[in-house]
Amino acid sequence: MKKILYIVLGTMGLVLGAIGAMIPLLPSFPFLLLAAYCYARSSNHLHDWFINTNLYKNNLESYVQDKSMTMKTKIRIMIIVTITMTFGFVMMHSVPVGQLVLAIVWIFHLFYFIFKIKTRVIEES
């Protein structure tokens, strides 16, 4: 039963991550990370298949290997988070506590991506 739950959650993460790779406002990174986690715990076959897809290689591989991302990826994620949270912030104009929570979460995201995730330099050949 646990294995089936991981497969279902992994597949949902994969689908949402694939959609997020095409739609700018939906983040793909956390969903693909969920898929990798769930597939690793459910099926070696699914996990091996997933880590060999371009979706995984383009979005997660560098982060999983050494907790790093390219500057382009970090900026793209920070822009998407900023746009999404700005929309929520504006919609909560009458809920100051909600605005405060969103502002704190936004600052945490910026801090995390700037200081905690290493920036991978792409070597040009």
PDB file of N, CA and C in Angstrom:
ATOM      1  N   MET A   1       0.833  -1.204   0.000  1.00  0.00           N
ATOM      2  CA  MET A   1       0.000   0.000   0.000  1.00  0.00           C
ATOM      3  C   MET A   1       0.873   1.261   0.000  1.00  0.00           C
ATOM      4  N   LYS A   2       1.962   1.247   0.791  1.00  0.00           N
ATOM      5  CA  LYS A   2       2.870   2.383   0.867  1.00  0.00           C
ATOM      6  C   LYS A   2       3.538   2.638  -0.494  1.00  0.00           C
ATOM      7  N   LYS A   3       3.904   1.548  -1.158  1.00  0.00           N
ATOM      8  CA  LYS A   3       4.554   1.639  -2.469  1.00  0.00           C
ATOM      9  C   LYS A   3       3.618   2.297  -3.488  1.00  0.00           C
ATOM     10  N   ILE A   4       2.358   1.918  -3.463  1.00  0.00           N
ATOM     11  CA  ILE A   4       1.369   2.492  -4.390  1.00  0.00           C
ATOM     12  C   ILE A   4       1.192   3.982  -4.113  1.00  0.00           C
ATOM     13  N   LEU A   5       1.148   4.355  -2.834  1.00  0.00           N
ATOM     14  CA  LEU A   5       1.010   5.766  -2.470  1.00  0.00           C
ATOM     15  C   LEU A   5       2.201   6.575  -2.993  1.00  0.00           C
ATOM     16  N   TYR A   6       3.423   6.040  -2.848  1.00  0.00           N
ATOM     17  CA  TYR A   6       4.604   6.729  -3.370  1.00  0.00           C
ATOM     18  C   TYR A   6       4.555   6.854  -4.890  1.00  0.00           C
ATOM     19  N   ILE A   7       4.097   5.823  -5.568  1.00  0.00           N
ATOM     20  CA  ILE A   7       3.998   5.882  -7.036  1.00  0.00           C
ATOM     21  C   ILE A   7       2.982   6.939  -7.461  1.00  0.00           C
ATOM     22  N   VAL A   8       1.833   6.982  -6.782  1.00  0.00           N
ATOM     23  CA  VAL A   8       0.800   7.976  -7.118  1.00  0.00           C
ATOM     24  C   VAL A   8       1.318   9.389  -6.855  1.00  0.00           C
ATOM     25  N   LEU A   9       1.928   9.613  -5.675  1.00  0.00           N
ATOM     26  CA  LEU A   9       2.460  10.939  -5.359  1.00  0.00           C
ATOM     27  C   LEU A   9       3.586  11.332  -6.323  1.00  0.00           C
ATOM     28  N   GLY A  10       4.448  10.372  -6.652  1.00  0.00           N
ATOM     29  CA  GLY A  10       5.533  10.638  -7.593  1.00  0.00           C
ATOM     30  C   GLY A  10       5.015  11.015  -8.966  1.00  0.00           C
ATOM     31  N   THR A  11       3.985  10.318  -9.412  1.00  0.00           N
ATOM     32  CA  THR A  11       3.399  10.604 -10.728  1.00  0.00           C
ATOM     33  C   THR A  11       2.718  11.970 -10.729  1.00  0.00           C
ATOM     34  N   MET A  12       2.033  12.299  -9.629  1.00  0.00           N
ATOM     35  CA  MET A  12       1.422  13.628  -9.526  1.00  0.00           C
ATOM     36  C   MET A  12       2.505  14.711  -9.563  1.00  0.00           C
ATOM     37  N   GLY A  13       3.603  14.480  -8.846  1.00  0.00           N
ATOM     38  CA  GLY A  13       4.714  15.419  -8.865  1.00  0.00           C
ATOM     39  C   GLY A  13       5.313  15.560 -10.252  1.00  0.00           C
ATOM     40  N   LEU A  14       5.449  14.438 -10.950  1.00  0.00           N
ATOM     41  CA  LEU A  14       5.993  14.457 -12.309  1.00  0.00           C
ATOM     42  C   LEU A  14       5.101  15.251 -13.256  1.00  0.00           C
ATOM     43  N   VAL A  15       3.801  15.009 -13.189  1.00  0.00           N
ATOM     44  CA  VAL A  15       2.858  15.714 -14.067  1.00  0.00           C
ATOM     45  C   VAL A  15       2.872  17.218 -13.776  1.00  0.00           C
ATOM     46  N   LEU A  16       2.793  17.585 -12.481  1.00  0.00           N
ATOM     47  CA  LEU A  16       2.806  19.010 -12.127  1.00  0.00           C
ATOM     48  C   LEU A  16       4.150  19.654 -12.468  1.00  0.00           C
ATOM     49  N   GLY A  17       5.235  18.906 -12.297  1.00  0.00           N
ATOM     50  CA  GLY A  17       6.555  19.419 -12.655  1.00  0.00           C
ATOM     51  C   GLY A  17       6.695  19.635 -14.152  1.00  0.00           C
ATOM     52  N   ALA A  18       6.150  18.713 -14.945  1.00  0.00           N
ATOM     53  CA  ALA A  18       6.197  18.863 -16.406  1.00  0.00           C
ATOM     54  C   ALA A  18       5.371  20.069 -16.843  1.00  0.00           C
ATOM     55  N   ILE A  19       4.215  20.251 -16.223  1.00  0.00           N
ATOM     56  CA  ILE A  19       3.387  21.423 -16.531  1.00  0.00           C
ATOM     57  C   ILE A  19       4.124  22.690 -16.116  1.00  0.00           C
ATOM     58  N   GLY A  20       4.761  22.641 -14.940  1.00  0.00           N
ATOM     59  CA  GLY A  20       5.511  23.800 -14.447  1.00  0.00           C
ATOM     60  C   GLY A  20       6.693  24.163 -15.323  1.00  0.00           C
ATOM     61  N   ALA A  21       7.253  23.191 -16.016  1.00  0.00           N
ATOM     62  CA  ALA A  21       8.366  23.468 -16.930  1.00  0.00           C
ATOM     63  C   ALA A  21       7.882  24.259 -18.147  1.00  0.00           C
ATOM     64  N   MET A  22       6.583  24.168 -18.456  1.00  0.00           N
ATOM     65  CA  MET A  22       6.031  24.866 -19.620  1.00  0.00           C
ATOM     66  C   MET A  22       5.317  26.164 -19.249  1.00  0.00           C
ATOM     67  N   ILE A  23       4.744  26.218 -18.030  1.00  0.00           N
ATOM     68  CA  ILE A  23       3.983  27.393 -17.601  1.00  0.00           C
ATOM     69  C   ILE A  23       4.823  28.176 -16.596  1.00  0.00           C
ATOM     70  N   PRO A  24       5.152  29.419 -16.890  1.00  0.00           N
ATOM     71  CA  PRO A  24       6.078  30.176 -16.060  1.00  0.00           C
ATOM     72  C   PRO A  24       5.677  30.344 -14.594  1.00  0.00           C
ATOM     73  N   LEU A  25       4.405  30.468 -14.270  1.00  0.00           N
ATOM     74  CA  LEU A  25       4.024  30.738 -12.886  1.00  0.00           C
ATOM     75  C   LEU A  25       3.930  29.498 -12.004  1.00  0.00           C
ATOM     76  N   LEU A  26       3.952  28.320 -12.580  1.00  0.00           N
ATOM     77  CA  LEU A  26       3.915  27.098 -11.780  1.00  0.00           C
ATOM     78  C   LEU A  26       5.339  26.568 -11.641  1.00  0.00           C
ATOM     79  N   PRO A  27       5.837  26.491 -10.413  1.00  0.00           N
ATOM     80  CA  PRO A  27       7.222  26.022 -10.252  1.00  0.00           C
ATOM     81  C   PRO A  27       7.341  24.532 -10.544  1.00  0.00           C
ATOM     82  N   SER A  28       8.378  24.145 -11.250  1.00  0.00           N
ATOM     83  CA  SER A  28       8.565  22.724 -11.558  1.00  0.00           C
ATOM     84  C   SER A  28       9.485  22.047 -10.549  1.00  0.00           C
ATOM     85  N   PHE A  29      10.439  22.795 -10.003  1.00  0.00           N
ATOM     86  CA  PHE A  29      11.475  22.223  -9.143  1.00  0.00           C
ATOM     87  C   PHE A  29      10.928  21.412  -7.963  1.00  0.00           C
ATOM     88  N   PRO A  30      10.044  21.964  -7.125  1.00  0.00           N
ATOM     89  CA  PRO A  30       9.589  21.174  -5.968  1.00  0.00           C
ATOM     90  C   PRO A  30       8.790  19.931  -6.368  1.00  0.00           C
ATOM     91  N   PHE A  31       8.048  20.025  -7.458  1.00  0.00           N
ATOM     92  CA  PHE A  31       7.261  18.864  -7.892  1.00  0.00           C
ATOM     93  C   PHE A  31       8.157  17.764  -8.440  1.00  0.00           C
ATOM     94  N   LEU A  32       9.184  18.151  -9.179  1.00  0.00           N
ATOM     95  CA  LEU A  32      10.115  17.150  -9.700  1.00  0.00           C
ATOM     96  C   LEU A  32      10.940  16.533  -8.573  1.00  0.00           C
ATOM     97  N   LEU A  33      11.260  17.319  -7.564  1.00  0.00           N
ATOM     98  CA  LEU A  33      11.964  16.797  -6.397  1.00  0.00           C
ATOM     99  C   LEU A  33      11.075  15.787  -5.665  1.00  0.00           C
ATOM    100  N   LEU A  34       9.793  16.087  -5.568  1.00  0.00           N
ATOM    101  CA  LEU A  34       8.838  15.145  -4.967  1.00  0.00           C
ATOM    102  C   LEU A  34       8.786  13.854  -5.770  1.00  0.00           C
ATOM    103  N   ALA A  35       8.764  13.962  -7.083  1.00  0.00           N
ATOM    104  CA  ALA A  35       8.725  12.775  -7.943  1.00  0.00           C
ATOM    105  C   ALA A  35       9.971  11.923  -7.738  1.00  0.00           C
ATOM    106  N   ALA A  36      11.134  12.560  -7.699  1.00  0.00           N
ATOM    107  CA  ALA A  36      12.383  11.809  -7.499  1.00  0.00           C
ATOM    108  C   ALA A  36      12.369  11.094  -6.150  1.00  0.00           C
ATOM    109  N   TYR A  37      11.939  11.784  -5.118  1.00  0.00           N
ATOM    110  CA  TYR A  37      11.880  11.208  -3.772  1.00  0.00           C
ATOM    111  C   TYR A  37      10.934  10.008  -3.721  1.00  0.00           C
ATOM    112  N   CYS A  38       9.740  10.202  -4.255  1.00  0.00           N
ATOM    113  CA  CYS A  38       8.729   9.132  -4.214  1.00  0.00           C
ATOM    114  C   CYS A  38       9.126   7.937  -5.077  1.00  0.00           C
ATOM    115  N   TYR A  39       9.633   8.200  -6.262  1.00  0.00           N
ATOM    116  CA  TYR A  39      10.039   7.092  -7.131  1.00  0.00           C
ATOM    117  C   TYR A  39      11.209   6.315  -6.528  1.00  0.00           C
ATOM    118  N   ALA A  40      12.114   7.000  -5.843  1.00  0.00           N
ATOM    119  CA  ALA A  40      13.244   6.313  -5.210  1.00  0.00           C
ATOM    120  C   ALA A  40      12.768   5.372  -4.113  1.00  0.00           C
ATOM    121  N   ARG A  41      11.648   5.688  -3.475  1.00  0.00           N
ATOM    122  CA  ARG A  41      11.128   4.863  -2.396  1.00  0.00           C
ATOM    123  C   ARG A  41      10.107   3.825  -2.848  1.00  0.00           C
ATOM    124  N   SER A  42       9.704   3.907  -4.106  1.00  0.00           N
ATOM    125  CA  SER A  42       8.663   2.986  -4.563  1.00  0.00           C
ATOM    126  C   SER A  42       9.164   1.939  -5.553  1.00  0.00           C
ATOM    127  N   SER A  43       9.993   2.354  -6.497  1.00  0.00           N
ATOM    128  CA  SER A  43      10.355   1.445  -7.571  1.00  0.00           C
ATOM    129  C   SER A  43      11.707   1.827  -8.173  1.00  0.00           C
ATOM    130  N   ASN A  44      12.636   0.894  -8.181  1.00  0.00           N
ATOM    131  CA  ASN A  44      13.936   1.152  -8.813  1.00  0.00           C
ATOM    132  C   ASN A  44      13.762   1.425 -10.305  1.00  0.00           C
ATOM    133  N   HIS A  45      12.832   0.709 -10.923  1.00  0.00           N
ATOM    134  CA  HIS A  45      12.585   0.883 -12.360  1.00  0.00           C
ATOM    135  C   HIS A  45      12.113   2.313 -12.658  1.00  0.00           C
ATOM    136  N   LEU A  46      11.113   2.799 -11.902  1.00  0.00           N
ATOM    137  CA  LEU A  46      10.613   4.159 -12.116  1.00  0.00           C
ATOM    138  C   LEU A  46      11.689   5.193 -11.807  1.00  0.00           C
ATOM    139  N   HIS A  47      12.424   4.977 -10.727  1.00  0.00           N
ATOM    140  CA  HIS A  47      13.469   5.928 -10.351  1.00  0.00           C
ATOM    141  C   HIS A  47      14.557   5.997 -11.429  1.00  0.00           C
ATOM    142  N   ASP A  48      15.005   4.848 -11.900  1.00  0.00           N
ATOM    143  CA  ASP A  48      16.027   4.816 -12.959  1.00  0.00           C
ATOM    144  C   ASP A  48      15.521   5.494 -14.229  1.00  0.00           C
ATOM    145  N   TRP A  49      14.267   5.237 -14.581  1.00  0.00           N
ATOM    146  CA  TRP A  49      13.679   5.873 -15.756  1.00  0.00           C
ATOM    147  C   TRP A  49      13.644   7.392 -15.574  1.00  0.00           C
ATOM    148  N   PHE A  50      13.169   7.838 -14.400  1.00  0.00           N
ATOM    149  CA  PHE A  50      13.008   9.274 -14.148  1.00  0.00           C
ATOM    150  C   PHE A  50      14.341  10.013 -14.194  1.00  0.00           C
ATOM    151  N   ILE A  51      15.383   9.470 -13.569  1.00  0.00           N
ATOM    152  CA  ILE A  51      16.661  10.188 -13.538  1.00  0.00           C
ATOM    153  C   ILE A  51      17.359  10.208 -14.898  1.00  0.00           C
ATOM    154  N   ASN A  52      16.840   9.452 -15.858  1.00  0.00           N
ATOM    155  CA  ASN A  52      17.396   9.487 -17.205  1.00  0.00           C
ATOM    156  C   ASN A  52      16.582  10.358 -18.166  1.00  0.00           C
ATOM    157  N   THR A  53      15.534  11.004 -17.661  1.00  0.00           N
ATOM    158  CA  THR A  53      14.731  11.886 -18.515  1.00  0.00           C
ATOM    159  C   THR A  53      15.396  13.253 -18.611  1.00  0.00           C
ATOM    160  N   ASN A  54      15.127  13.960 -19.699  1.00  0.00           N
ATOM    161  CA  ASN A  54      15.640  15.327 -19.857  1.00  0.00           C
ATOM    162  C   ASN A  54      15.045  16.265 -18.818  1.00  0.00           C
ATOM    163  N   LEU A  55      13.821  16.009 -18.408  1.00  0.00           N
ATOM    164  CA  LEU A  55      13.164  16.830 -17.396  1.00  0.00           C
ATOM    165  C   LEU A  55      13.977  16.819 -16.102  1.00  0.00           C
ATOM    166  N   TYR A  56      14.420  15.637 -15.704  1.00  0.00           N
ATOM    167  CA  TYR A  56      15.242  15.509 -14.499  1.00  0.00           C
ATOM    168  C   TYR A  56      16.607  16.145 -14.718  1.00  0.00           C
ATOM    169  N   LYS A  57      17.243  15.822 -15.821  1.00  0.00           N
ATOM    170  CA  LYS A  57      18.599  16.309 -16.081  1.00  0.00           C
ATOM    171  C   LYS A  57      18.656  17.833 -16.187  1.00  0.00           C
ATOM    172  N   ASN A  58      17.647  18.439 -16.791  1.00  0.00           N
ATOM    173  CA  ASN A  58      17.650  19.893 -16.968  1.00  0.00           C
ATOM    174  C   ASN A  58      17.260  20.655 -15.709  1.00  0.00           C
ATOM    175  N   ASN A  59      16.488  20.031 -14.815  1.00  0.00           N
ATOM    176  CA  ASN A  59      15.954  20.765 -13.673  1.00  0.00           C
ATOM    177  C   ASN A  59      16.493  20.345 -12.310  1.00  0.00           C
ATOM    178  N   LEU A  60      16.884  19.098 -12.150  1.00  0.00           N
ATOM    179  CA  LEU A  60      17.244  18.610 -10.818  1.00  0.00           C
ATOM    180  C   LEU A  60      18.642  18.039 -10.670  1.00  0.00           C
ATOM    181  N   GLU A  61      19.211  17.541 -11.730  1.00  0.00           N
ATOM    182  CA  GLU A  61      20.437  16.759 -11.623  1.00  0.00           C
ATOM    183  C   GLU A  61      21.554  17.489 -10.867  1.00  0.00           C
ATOM    184  N   SER A  62      21.822  18.731 -11.216  1.00  0.00           N
ATOM    185  CA  SER A  62      22.910  19.453 -10.550  1.00  0.00           C
ATOM    186  C   SER A  62      22.598  19.683  -9.079  1.00  0.00           C
ATOM    187  N   TYR A  63      21.336  19.947  -8.761  1.00  0.00           N
ATOM    188  CA  TYR A  63      20.965  20.176  -7.366  1.00  0.00           C
ATOM    189  C   TYR A  63      21.116  18.894  -6.550  1.00  0.00           C
ATOM    190  N   VAL A  64      20.681  17.779  -7.089  1.00  0.00           N
ATOM    191  CA  VAL A  64      20.766  16.500  -6.371  1.00  0.00           C
ATOM    192  C   VAL A  64      22.225  16.085  -6.200  1.00  0.00           C
ATOM    193  N   GLN A  65      23.054  16.304  -7.196  1.00  0.00           N
ATOM    194  CA  GLN A  65      24.455  15.886  -7.135  1.00  0.00           C
ATOM    195  C   GLN A  65      25.249  16.665  -6.101  1.00  0.00           C
ATOM    196  N   ASP A  66      25.177  17.984  -6.136  1.00  0.00           N
ATOM    197  CA  ASP A  66      26.024  18.758  -5.224  1.00  0.00           C
ATOM    198  C   ASP A  66      25.349  20.010  -4.666  1.00  0.00           C
ATOM    199  N   LYS A  67      24.034  19.983  -4.595  1.00  0.00           N
ATOM    200  CA  LYS A  67      23.265  21.099  -4.032  1.00  0.00           C
ATOM    201  C   LYS A  67      23.634  22.435  -4.677  1.00  0.00           C
ATOM    202  N   SER A  68      23.725  22.421  -6.009  1.00  0.00           N
ATOM    203  CA  SER A  68      24.044  23.652  -6.722  1.00  0.00           C
ATOM    204  C   SER A  68      23.089  23.842  -7.895  1.00  0.00           C
ATOM    205  N   MET A  69      22.992  25.097  -8.351  1.00  0.00           N
ATOM    206  CA  MET A  69      22.178  25.447  -9.514  1.00  0.00           C
ATOM    207  C   MET A  69      22.931  26.496 -10.305  1.00  0.00           C
ATOM    208  N   THR A  70      22.596  26.585 -11.574  1.00  0.00           N
ATOM    209  CA  THR A  70      23.176  27.662 -12.373  1.00  0.00           C
ATOM    210  C   THR A  70      22.514  28.977 -11.955  1.00  0.00           C
ATOM    211  N   MET A  71      23.202  30.067 -12.215  1.00  0.00           N
ATOM    212  CA  MET A  71      22.657  31.386 -11.883  1.00  0.00           C
ATOM    213  C   MET A  71      21.338  31.615 -12.619  1.00  0.00           C
ATOM    214  N   LYS A  72      21.258  31.155 -13.865  1.00  0.00           N
ATOM    215  CA  LYS A  72      20.030  31.308 -14.653  1.00  0.00           C
ATOM    216  C   LYS A  72      18.857  30.599 -13.967  1.00  0.00           C
ATOM    217  N   THR A  73      19.077  29.391 -13.471  1.00  0.00           N
ATOM    218  CA  THR A  73      18.021  28.636 -12.797  1.00  0.00           C
ATOM    219  C   THR A  73      17.618  29.321 -11.501  1.00  0.00           C
ATOM    220  N   LYS A  74      18.599  29.772 -10.724  1.00  0.00           N
ATOM    221  CA  LYS A  74      18.295  30.448  -9.464  1.00  0.00           C
ATOM    222  C   LYS A  74      17.473  31.712  -9.706  1.00  0.00           C
ATOM    223  N   ILE A  75      17.875  32.489 -10.701  1.00  0.00           N
ATOM    224  CA  ILE A  75      17.144  33.734 -10.999  1.00  0.00           C
ATOM    225  C   ILE A  75      15.731  33.426 -11.472  1.00  0.00           C
ATOM    226  N   ARG A  76      15.590  32.417 -12.349  1.00  0.00           N
ATOM    227  CA  ARG A  76      14.258  32.041 -12.841  1.00  0.00           C
ATOM    228  C   ARG A  76      13.339  31.653 -11.673  1.00  0.00           C
ATOM    229  N   ILE A  77      13.844  30.854 -10.749  1.00  0.00           N
ATOM    230  CA  ILE A  77      13.038  30.426  -9.601  1.00  0.00           C
ATOM    231  C   ILE A  77      12.690  31.625  -8.724  1.00  0.00           C
ATOM    232  N   MET A  78      13.667  32.498  -8.469  1.00  0.00           N
ATOM    233  CA  MET A  78      13.393  33.668  -7.619  1.00  0.00           C
ATOM    234  C   MET A  78      12.387  34.614  -8.265  1.00  0.00           C
ATOM    235  N   ILE A  79      12.436  34.759  -9.577  1.00  0.00           N
ATOM    236  CA  ILE A  79      11.460  35.617 -10.263  1.00  0.00           C
ATOM    237  C   ILE A  79      10.061  35.021 -10.158  1.00  0.00           C
ATOM    238  N   ILE A  80       9.947  33.716 -10.383  1.00  0.00           N
ATOM    239  CA  ILE A  80       8.635  33.068 -10.301  1.00  0.00           C
ATOM    240  C   ILE A  80       8.065  33.177  -8.887  1.00  0.00           C
ATOM    241  N   VAL A  81       8.907  32.927  -7.881  1.00  0.00           N
ATOM    242  CA  VAL A  81       8.460  33.036  -6.490  1.00  0.00           C
ATOM    243  C   VAL A  81       8.039  34.472  -6.185  1.00  0.00           C
ATOM    244  N   THR A  82       8.803  35.437  -6.648  1.00  0.00           N
ATOM    245  CA  THR A  82       8.490  36.840  -6.389  1.00  0.00           C
ATOM    246  C   THR A  82       7.171  37.244  -7.043  1.00  0.00           C
ATOM    247  N   ILE A  83       6.976  36.858  -8.288  1.00  0.00           N
ATOM    248  CA  ILE A  83       5.724  37.197  -8.981  1.00  0.00           C
ATOM    249  C   ILE A  83       4.528  36.543  -8.284  1.00  0.00           C
ATOM    250  N   THR A  84       4.656  35.271  -7.953  1.00  0.00           N
ATOM    251  CA  THR A  84       3.564  34.547  -7.306  1.00  0.00           C
ATOM    252  C   THR A  84       3.230  35.155  -5.946  1.00  0.00           C
ATOM    253  N   MET A  85       4.258  35.437  -5.171  1.00  0.00           N
ATOM    254  CA  MET A  85       4.014  35.989  -3.833  1.00  0.00           C
ATOM    255  C   MET A  85       3.531  37.436  -3.894  1.00  0.00           C
ATOM    256  N   THR A  86       3.953  38.179  -4.893  1.00  0.00           N
ATOM    257  CA  THR A  86       3.454  39.548  -5.052  1.00  0.00           C
ATOM    258  C   THR A  86       1.953  39.524  -5.340  1.00  0.00           C
ATOM    259  N   PHE A  87       1.542  38.596  -6.182  1.00  0.00           N
ATOM    260  CA  PHE A  87       0.112  38.450  -6.475  1.00  0.00           C
ATOM    261  C   PHE A  87      -0.658  38.148  -5.183  1.00  0.00           C
ATOM    262  N   GLY A  88      -0.161  37.203  -4.385  1.00  0.00           N
ATOM    263  CA  GLY A  88      -0.801  36.874  -3.113  1.00  0.00           C
ATOM    264  C   GLY A  88      -0.786  38.050  -2.149  1.00  0.00           C
ATOM    265  N   PHE A  89       0.316  38.782  -2.120  1.00  0.00           N
ATOM    266  CA  PHE A  89       0.459  39.938  -1.242  1.00  0.00           C
ATOM    267  C   PHE A  89      -0.588  40.999  -1.579  1.00  0.00           C
ATOM    268  N   VAL A  90      -0.754  41.276  -2.870  1.00  0.00           N
ATOM    269  CA  VAL A  90      -1.734  42.272  -3.312  1.00  0.00           C
ATOM    270  C   VAL A  90      -3.155  41.801  -3.008  1.00  0.00           C
ATOM    271  N   MET A  91      -3.422  40.524  -3.218  1.00  0.00           N
ATOM    272  CA  MET A  91      -4.765  39.988  -2.966  1.00  0.00           C
ATOM    273  C   MET A  91      -5.116  40.014  -1.469  1.00  0.00           C
ATOM    274  N   MET A  92      -4.106  40.034  -0.612  1.00  0.00           N
ATOM    275  CA  MET A  92      -4.344  40.053   0.840  1.00  0.00           C
ATOM    276  C   MET A  92      -4.270  41.470   1.412  1.00  0.00           C
ATOM    277  N   HIS A  93      -4.639  42.454   0.614  1.00  0.00           N
ATOM    278  CA  HIS A  93      -4.519  43.839   1.071  1.00  0.00           C
ATOM    279  C   HIS A  93      -5.267  44.108   2.370  1.00  0.00           C
ATOM    280  N   SER A  94      -6.300  43.351   2.677  1.00  0.00           N
ATOM    281  CA  SER A  94      -7.049  43.567   3.920  1.00  0.00           C
ATOM    282  C   SER A  94      -6.666  42.570   5.018  1.00  0.00           C
ATOM    283  N   VAL A  95      -5.609  41.791   4.792  1.00  0.00           N
ATOM    284  CA  VAL A  95      -5.154  40.813   5.784  1.00  0.00           C
ATOM    285  C   VAL A  95      -3.669  41.065   6.058  1.00  0.00           C
ATOM    286  N   PRO A  96      -3.358  42.010   6.931  1.00  0.00           N
ATOM    287  CA  PRO A  96      -1.954  42.358   7.178  1.00  0.00           C
ATOM    288  C   PRO A  96      -1.109  41.193   7.709  1.00  0.00           C
ATOM    289  N   VAL A  97      -1.713  40.319   8.490  1.00  0.00           N
ATOM    290  CA  VAL A  97      -0.967  39.168   9.011  1.00  0.00           C
ATOM    291  C   VAL A  97      -0.565  38.252   7.854  1.00  0.00           C
ATOM    292  N   GLY A  98      -1.456  38.056   6.903  1.00  0.00           N
ATOM    293  CA  GLY A  98      -1.151  37.245   5.727  1.00  0.00           C
ATOM    294  C   GLY A  98      -0.038  37.869   4.908  1.00  0.00           C
ATOM    295  N   GLN A  99      -0.088  39.194   4.768  1.00  0.00           N
ATOM    296  CA  GLN A  99       0.971  39.892   4.046  1.00  0.00           C
ATOM    297  C   GLN A  99       2.315  39.741   4.751  1.00  0.00           C
ATOM    298  N   LEU A 100       2.293  39.818   6.075  1.00  0.00           N
ATOM    299  CA  LEU A 100       3.527  39.652   6.847  1.00  0.00           C
ATOM    300  C   LEU A 100       4.111  38.253   6.663  1.00  0.00           C
ATOM    301  N   VAL A 101       3.258  37.232   6.714  1.00  0.00           N
ATOM    302  CA  VAL A 101       3.712  35.850   6.520  1.00  0.00           C
ATOM    303  C   VAL A 101       4.315  35.682   5.128  1.00  0.00           C
ATOM    304  N   LEU A 102       3.637  36.187   4.106  1.00  0.00           N
ATOM    305  CA  LEU A 102       4.169  36.092   2.742  1.00  0.00           C
ATOM    306  C   LEU A 102       5.502  36.825   2.605  1.00  0.00           C
ATOM    307  N   ALA A 103       5.621  37.982   3.224  1.00  0.00           N
ATOM    308  CA  ALA A 103       6.876  38.734   3.158  1.00  0.00           C
ATOM    309  C   ALA A 103       8.005  37.946   3.821  1.00  0.00           C
ATOM    310  N   ILE A 104       7.742  37.322   4.957  1.00  0.00           N
ATOM    311  CA  ILE A 104       8.757  36.520   5.648  1.00  0.00           C
ATOM    312  C   ILE A 104       9.154  35.317   4.806  1.00  0.00           C
ATOM    313  N   VAL A 105       8.181  34.636   4.219  1.00  0.00           N
ATOM    314  CA  VAL A 105       8.468  33.477   3.366  1.00  0.00           C
ATOM    315  C   VAL A 105       9.279  33.912   2.142  1.00  0.00           C
ATOM    316  N   TRP A 106       8.920  35.057   1.558  1.00  0.00           N
ATOM    317  CA  TRP A 106       9.651  35.567   0.401  1.00  0.00           C
ATOM    318  C   TRP A 106      11.106  35.872   0.762  1.00  0.00           C
ATOM    319  N   ILE A 107      11.322  36.528   1.887  1.00  0.00           N
ATOM    320  CA  ILE A 107      12.688  36.833   2.338  1.00  0.00           C
ATOM    321  C   ILE A 107      13.464  35.536   2.575  1.00  0.00           C
ATOM    322  N   PHE A 108      12.815  34.538   3.180  1.00  0.00           N
ATOM    323  CA  PHE A 108      13.470  33.256   3.405  1.00  0.00           C
ATOM    324  C   PHE A 108      13.889  32.632   2.074  1.00  0.00           C
ATOM    325  N   HIS A 109      12.997  32.668   1.077  1.00  0.00           N
ATOM    326  CA  HIS A 109      13.331  32.117  -0.241  1.00  0.00           C
ATOM    327  C   HIS A 109      14.558  32.815  -0.832  1.00  0.00           C
ATOM    328  N   LEU A 110      14.569  34.128  -0.805  1.00  0.00           N
ATOM    329  CA  LEU A 110      15.706  34.865  -1.340  1.00  0.00           C
ATOM    330  C   LEU A 110      16.991  34.501  -0.594  1.00  0.00           C
ATOM    331  N   PHE A 111      16.929  34.500   0.725  1.00  0.00           N
ATOM    332  CA  PHE A 111      18.091  34.145   1.543  1.00  0.00           C
ATOM    333  C   PHE A 111      18.584  32.752   1.191  1.00  0.00           C
ATOM    334  N   TYR A 112      17.655  31.808   1.089  1.00  0.00           N
ATOM    335  CA  TYR A 112      18.024  30.421   0.806  1.00  0.00           C
ATOM    336  C   TYR A 112      18.698  30.286  -0.555  1.00  0.00           C
ATOM    337  N   PHE A 113      18.128  30.881  -1.573  1.00  0.00           N
ATOM    338  CA  PHE A 113      18.692  30.747  -2.916  1.00  0.00           C
ATOM    339  C   PHE A 113      19.998  31.517  -3.086  1.00  0.00           C
ATOM    340  N   ILE A 114      20.144  32.631  -2.390  1.00  0.00           N
ATOM    341  CA  ILE A 114      21.374  33.411  -2.523  1.00  0.00           C
ATOM    342  C   ILE A 114      22.519  32.813  -1.708  1.00  0.00           C
ATOM    343  N   PHE A 115      22.236  32.422  -0.460  1.00  0.00           N
ATOM    344  CA  PHE A 115      23.307  32.026   0.446  1.00  0.00           C
ATOM    345  C   PHE A 115      23.446  30.527   0.693  1.00  0.00           C
ATOM    346  N   LYS A 116      22.411  29.743   0.494  1.00  0.00           N
ATOM    347  CA  LYS A 116      22.475  28.316   0.839  1.00  0.00           C
ATOM    348  C   LYS A 116      22.697  27.399  -0.354  1.00  0.00           C
ATOM    349  N   ILE A 117      22.250  27.799  -1.502  1.00  0.00           N
ATOM    350  CA  ILE A 117      22.438  26.967  -2.699  1.00  0.00           C
ATOM    351  C   ILE A 117      23.630  27.515  -3.474  1.00  0.00           C
ATOM    352  N   LYS A 118      24.608  26.660  -3.688  1.00  0.00           N
ATOM    353  CA  LYS A 118      25.806  27.081  -4.423  1.00  0.00           C
ATOM    354  C   LYS A 118      25.438  27.409  -5.868  1.00  0.00           C
ATOM    355  N   THR A 119      26.162  28.363  -6.427  1.00  0.00           N
ATOM    356  CA  THR A 119      25.966  28.724  -7.821  1.00  0.00           C
ATOM    357  C   THR A 119      26.965  27.942  -8.665  1.00  0.00           C
ATOM    358  N   ARG A 120      26.436  27.166  -9.585  1.00  0.00           N
ATOM    359  CA  ARG A 120      27.261  26.359 -10.475  1.00  0.00           C
ATOM    360  C   ARG A 120      27.670  27.201 -11.682  1.00  0.00           C
ATOM    361  N   VAL A 121      28.952  27.220 -11.947  1.00  0.00           N
ATOM    362  CA  VAL A 121      29.473  27.956 -13.101  1.00  0.00           C
ATOM    363  C   VAL A 121      29.543  26.981 -14.278  1.00  0.00           C
ATOM    364  N   ILE A 122      28.932  27.370 -15.372  1.00  0.00           N
ATOM    365  CA  ILE A 122      28.960  26.532 -16.571  1.00  0.00           C
ATOM    366  C   ILE A 122      30.246  26.814 -17.313  1.00  0.00           C
ATOM    367  N   GLU A 123      31.021  25.771 -17.513  1.00  0.00           N
ATOM    368  CA  GLU A 123      32.294  25.907 -18.221  1.00  0.00           C
ATOM    369  C   GLU A 123      32.039  25.942 -19.727  1.00  0.00           C
ATOM    370  N   GLU A 124      32.594  26.954 -20.372  1.00  0.00           N
ATOM    371  CA  GLU A 124      32.427  27.057 -21.825  1.00  0.00           C
ATOM    372  C   GLU A 124      33.578  26.366 -22.509  1.00  0.00           C
ATOM    373  N   SER A 125      33.264  25.596 -23.558  1.00  0.00           N
ATOM    374  CA  SER A 125      34.324  24.860 -24.256  1.00  0.00           C
ATOM    375  C   SER A 125      34.812  25.585 -25.477  1.00  0.00           C
TER     376      SER A 125
END
